[in-house]
Amino acid sequence: MKNRTKNKEQRTKTEDASGKTKEQRAKSKDKKITDKVILVLSSLFLALFLFTAAEAAKWGGVDESVVEKYAEEHGRAARDPFINTDQGDLLLFVFLLAGAVGGFAAGYYWRELMENGRTKNKEPRTKTKERKNYA
């Protein structure tokens, strides 16, 4: 009788011939589905990237298609800018400086910026009475 129950337990534990339990087969099936989803999504992103890269080459910007065309018609050819921000991190540095100056100005004038519309009374603030320490 013990052999029968032991064999039955083994049969219920391992359902198929490969020796995998139901949980192992479910995990394996989930992994296969996840792998397929990742494969499909990555191929879609790759196709989208290639499609947009090919389309970007067709369409030029307004400067190239309109402004340069009329400038050449009137005898004004394109030239290099005075400050070329396309080199290295110069453009990033310019935006950093502008943000720092803007942040300093906003911090310096914080009360005027935030309280100007709310307060009707334009009198300066008065000092509060000093508290006595009774400790």
C-alpha atoms as a PDB file:
ATOM      1  CA  MET A   1       0.000   0.000   0.000  1.00  0.00           C
ATOM      2  CA  LYS A   2       2.865   2.343   0.749  1.00  0.00           C
ATOM      3  CA  ASN A   3       4.331   1.835  -2.721  1.00  0.00           C
ATOM      4  CA  ARG A   4       1.045   2.749  -4.366  1.00  0.00           C
ATOM      5  CA  THR A   5       0.728   6.015  -2.435  1.00  0.00           C
ATOM      6  CA  LYS A   6       4.376   6.787  -3.030  1.00  0.00           C
ATOM      7  CA  ASN A   7       4.021   6.118  -6.756  1.00  0.00           C
ATOM      8  CA  LYS A   8       0.818   8.169  -6.851  1.00  0.00           C
ATOM      9  CA  GLU A   9       2.567  11.082  -5.151  1.00  0.00           C
ATOM     10  CA  GLN A  10       5.377  10.867  -7.664  1.00  0.00           C
ATOM     11  CA  ARG A  11       2.910  10.754 -10.550  1.00  0.00           C
ATOM     12  CA  THR A  12       1.023  13.821  -9.329  1.00  0.00           C
ATOM     13  CA  LYS A  13       4.259  15.633  -8.616  1.00  0.00           C
ATOM     14  CA  THR A  14       5.693  14.949 -12.083  1.00  0.00           C
ATOM     15  CA  GLU A  15       2.932  15.193 -14.640  1.00  0.00           C
ATOM     16  CA  ASP A  16       4.933  14.743 -17.820  1.00  0.00           C
ATOM     17  CA  ALA A  17       7.752  12.487 -18.964  1.00  0.00           C
ATOM     18  CA  SER A  18      10.368  15.253 -18.732  1.00  0.00           C
ATOM     19  CA  GLY A  19      10.013  15.304 -14.966  1.00  0.00           C
ATOM     20  CA  LYS A  20       8.737  18.901 -14.662  1.00  0.00           C
ATOM     21  CA  THR A  21       6.097  19.818 -12.146  1.00  0.00           C
ATOM     22  CA  LYS A  22       3.102  21.995 -12.954  1.00  0.00           C
ATOM     23  CA  GLU A  23       4.776  25.013 -11.389  1.00  0.00           C
ATOM     24  CA  GLN A  24       7.945  24.500 -13.430  1.00  0.00           C
ATOM     25  CA  ARG A  25       5.939  24.141 -16.639  1.00  0.00           C
ATOM     26  CA  ALA A  26       3.944  27.295 -15.817  1.00  0.00           C
ATOM     27  CA  LYS A  27       7.155  29.250 -15.185  1.00  0.00           C
ATOM     28  CA  SER A  28       8.620  27.901 -18.415  1.00  0.00           C
ATOM     29  CA  LYS A  29       5.488  28.908 -20.331  1.00  0.00           C
ATOM     30  CA  ASP A  30       5.525  32.391 -18.769  1.00  0.00           C
ATOM     31  CA  LYS A  31       9.199  32.772 -19.692  1.00  0.00           C
ATOM     32  CA  LYS A  32       8.486  31.767 -23.282  1.00  0.00           C
ATOM     33  CA  ILE A  33       5.668  34.315 -23.502  1.00  0.00           C
ATOM     34  CA  THR A  34       7.854  37.013 -21.952  1.00  0.00           C
ATOM     35  CA  ASP A  35      10.652  36.224 -24.417  1.00  0.00           C
ATOM     36  CA  LYS A  36       8.229  36.491 -27.334  1.00  0.00           C
ATOM     37  CA  VAL A  37       6.851  39.820 -26.088  1.00  0.00           C
ATOM     38  CA  ILE A  38      10.380  41.217 -25.674  1.00  0.00           C
ATOM     39  CA  LEU A  39      11.321  40.045 -29.154  1.00  0.00           C
ATOM     40  CA  VAL A  40       8.225  41.627 -30.739  1.00  0.00           C
ATOM     41  CA  LEU A  41       8.638  44.928 -28.876  1.00  0.00           C
ATOM     42  CA  SER A  42      12.333  45.209 -29.661  1.00  0.00           C
ATOM     43  CA  SER A  43      11.719  44.514 -33.350  1.00  0.00           C
ATOM     44  CA  LEU A  44       8.939  47.150 -33.392  1.00  0.00           C
ATOM     45  CA  PHE A  45      11.219  49.739 -31.779  1.00  0.00           C
ATOM     46  CA  LEU A  46      13.990  48.917 -34.243  1.00  0.00           C
ATOM     47  CA  ALA A  47      11.610  49.241 -37.205  1.00  0.00           C
ATOM     48  CA  LEU A  48      10.260  52.530 -35.826  1.00  0.00           C
ATOM     49  CA  PHE A  49      13.783  53.900 -35.382  1.00  0.00           C
ATOM     50  CA  LEU A  50      14.821  52.922 -38.904  1.00  0.00           C
ATOM     51  CA  PHE A  51      11.628  54.347 -40.397  1.00  0.00           C
ATOM     52  CA  THR A  52      12.000  57.705 -38.629  1.00  0.00           C
ATOM     53  CA  ALA A  53      15.700  57.909 -39.543  1.00  0.00           C
ATOM     54  CA  ALA A  54      14.849  57.363 -43.201  1.00  0.00           C
ATOM     55  CA  GLU A  55      12.037  59.934 -43.099  1.00  0.00           C
ATOM     56  CA  ALA A  56      14.210  62.542 -41.374  1.00  0.00           C
ATOM     57  CA  ALA A  57      16.610  62.499 -44.312  1.00  0.00           C
ATOM     58  CA  LYS A  58      13.778  63.423 -46.723  1.00  0.00           C
ATOM     59  CA  TRP A  59      12.493  66.460 -44.832  1.00  0.00           C
ATOM     60  CA  GLY A  60      14.836  69.374 -44.306  1.00  0.00           C
ATOM     61  CA  GLY A  61      14.270  72.148 -41.812  1.00  0.00           C
ATOM     62  CA  VAL A  62      12.792  75.551 -42.567  1.00  0.00           C
ATOM     63  CA  ASP A  63      16.250  77.109 -42.681  1.00  0.00           C
ATOM     64  CA  GLU A  64      17.425  74.704 -45.365  1.00  0.00           C
ATOM     65  CA  SER A  65      14.319  74.621 -47.524  1.00  0.00           C
ATOM     66  CA  VAL A  66      13.048  78.208 -47.328  1.00  0.00           C
ATOM     67  CA  VAL A  67      15.489  80.698 -45.827  1.00  0.00           C
ATOM     68  CA  GLU A  68      18.613  79.486 -47.648  1.00  0.00           C
ATOM     69  CA  LYS A  69      16.718  79.296 -50.929  1.00  0.00           C
ATOM     70  CA  TYR A  70      15.598  82.938 -50.781  1.00  0.00           C
ATOM     71  CA  ALA A  71      18.951  84.110 -49.420  1.00  0.00           C
ATOM     72  CA  GLU A  72      20.775  82.580 -52.369  1.00  0.00           C
ATOM     73  CA  GLU A  73      18.255  84.125 -54.803  1.00  0.00           C
ATOM     74  CA  HIS A  74      19.059  87.575 -53.391  1.00  0.00           C
ATOM     75  CA  GLY A  75      22.824  87.055 -53.351  1.00  0.00           C
ATOM     76  CA  ARG A  76      23.351  86.380 -49.625  1.00  0.00           C
ATOM     77  CA  ALA A  77      25.041  83.000 -49.163  1.00  0.00           C
ATOM     78  CA  ALA A  78      25.059  81.192 -45.832  1.00  0.00           C
ATOM     79  CA  ARG A  79      28.037  81.742 -43.531  1.00  0.00           C
ATOM     80  CA  ASP A  80      29.233  80.397 -40.186  1.00  0.00           C
ATOM     81  CA  PRO A  81      27.664  81.937 -37.058  1.00  0.00           C
ATOM     82  CA  PHE A  82      29.611  84.343 -34.838  1.00  0.00           C
ATOM     83  CA  ILE A  83      29.373  81.972 -31.846  1.00  0.00           C
ATOM     84  CA  ASN A  84      29.251  78.382 -33.022  1.00  0.00           C
ATOM     85  CA  THR A  85      27.433  76.435 -30.291  1.00  0.00           C
ATOM     86  CA  ASP A  86      27.603  73.123 -32.163  1.00  0.00           C
ATOM     87  CA  GLN A  87      31.080  72.406 -30.837  1.00  0.00           C
ATOM     88  CA  GLY A  88      31.315  70.206 -27.768  1.00  0.00           C
ATOM     89  CA  ASP A  89      29.342  71.186 -24.681  1.00  0.00           C
ATOM     90  CA  LEU A  90      29.271  74.933 -25.328  1.00  0.00           C
ATOM     91  CA  LEU A  91      25.493  75.019 -25.778  1.00  0.00           C
ATOM     92  CA  LEU A  92      25.033  73.059 -22.545  1.00  0.00           C
ATOM     93  CA  PHE A  93      27.300  75.507 -20.716  1.00  0.00           C
ATOM     94  CA  VAL A  94      25.349  78.500 -22.080  1.00  0.00           C
ATOM     95  CA  PHE A  95      22.070  77.020 -20.817  1.00  0.00           C
ATOM     96  CA  LEU A  96      23.699  76.302 -17.443  1.00  0.00           C
ATOM     97  CA  LEU A  97      24.767  79.933 -17.111  1.00  0.00           C
ATOM     98  CA  ALA A  98      21.334  81.198 -18.154  1.00  0.00           C
ATOM     99  CA  GLY A  99      19.669  78.927 -15.590  1.00  0.00           C
ATOM    100  CA  ALA A 100      22.030  80.065 -12.849  1.00  0.00           C
ATOM    101  CA  VAL A 101      21.398  83.758 -13.610  1.00  0.00           C
ATOM    102  CA  GLY A 102      17.633  83.176 -13.804  1.00  0.00           C
ATOM    103  CA  GLY A 103      17.644  81.219 -10.541  1.00  0.00           C
ATOM    104  CA  PHE A 104      19.645  83.911  -8.770  1.00  0.00           C
ATOM    105  CA  ALA A 105      17.256  86.630  -9.994  1.00  0.00           C
ATOM    106  CA  ALA A 106      14.175  84.610  -9.007  1.00  0.00           C
ATOM    107  CA  GLY A 107      15.639  83.957  -5.545  1.00  0.00           C
ATOM    108  CA  TYR A 108      16.620  87.570  -5.029  1.00  0.00           C
ATOM    109  CA  TYR A 109      13.151  88.878  -5.951  1.00  0.00           C
ATOM    110  CA  TRP A 110      11.219  85.941  -4.447  1.00  0.00           C
ATOM    111  CA  ARG A 111       8.943  88.043  -2.214  1.00  0.00           C
ATOM    112  CA  GLU A 112       8.015  90.431  -5.008  1.00  0.00           C
ATOM    113  CA  LEU A 113       7.346  87.532  -7.336  1.00  0.00           C
ATOM    114  CA  MET A 114       5.210  85.517  -4.947  1.00  0.00           C
ATOM    115  CA  GLU A 115       3.506  88.103  -2.719  1.00  0.00           C
ATOM    116  CA  ASN A 116       2.894  90.952  -5.110  1.00  0.00           C
ATOM    117  CA  GLY A 117      -0.623  89.979  -6.187  1.00  0.00           C
ATOM    118  CA  ARG A 118      -1.763  88.633  -2.802  1.00  0.00           C
ATOM    119  CA  THR A 119      -0.996  91.477  -0.430  1.00  0.00           C
ATOM    120  CA  LYS A 120      -2.925  94.711  -0.612  1.00  0.00           C
ATOM    121  CA  ASN A 121      -0.942  96.299   2.226  1.00  0.00           C
ATOM    122  CA  LYS A 122       2.389  97.635   0.984  1.00  0.00           C
ATOM    123  CA  GLU A 123       3.675  98.636   4.417  1.00  0.00           C
ATOM    124  CA  PRO A 124       6.947  97.090   5.522  1.00  0.00           C
ATOM    125  CA  ARG A 125       6.815  94.222   7.940  1.00  0.00           C
ATOM    126  CA  THR A 126       7.100  95.051  11.600  1.00  0.00           C
ATOM    127  CA  LYS A 127       9.263  93.293  14.111  1.00  0.00           C
ATOM    128  CA  THR A 128       7.581  90.867  16.447  1.00  0.00           C
ATOM    129  CA  LYS A 129       7.890  91.309  20.169  1.00  0.00           C
ATOM    130  CA  GLU A 130      10.727  89.461  21.798  1.00  0.00           C
ATOM    131  CA  ARG A 131       9.739  86.479  23.875  1.00  0.00           C
ATOM    132  CA  LYS A 132      11.001  86.161  27.358  1.00  0.00           C
ATOM    133  CA  ASN A 133      12.630  82.918  28.286  1.00  0.00           C
ATOM    134  CA  TYR A 134      11.154  81.714  31.612  1.00  0.00           C
ATOM    135  CA  ALA A 135      13.102  78.493  31.713  1.00  0.00           C
END
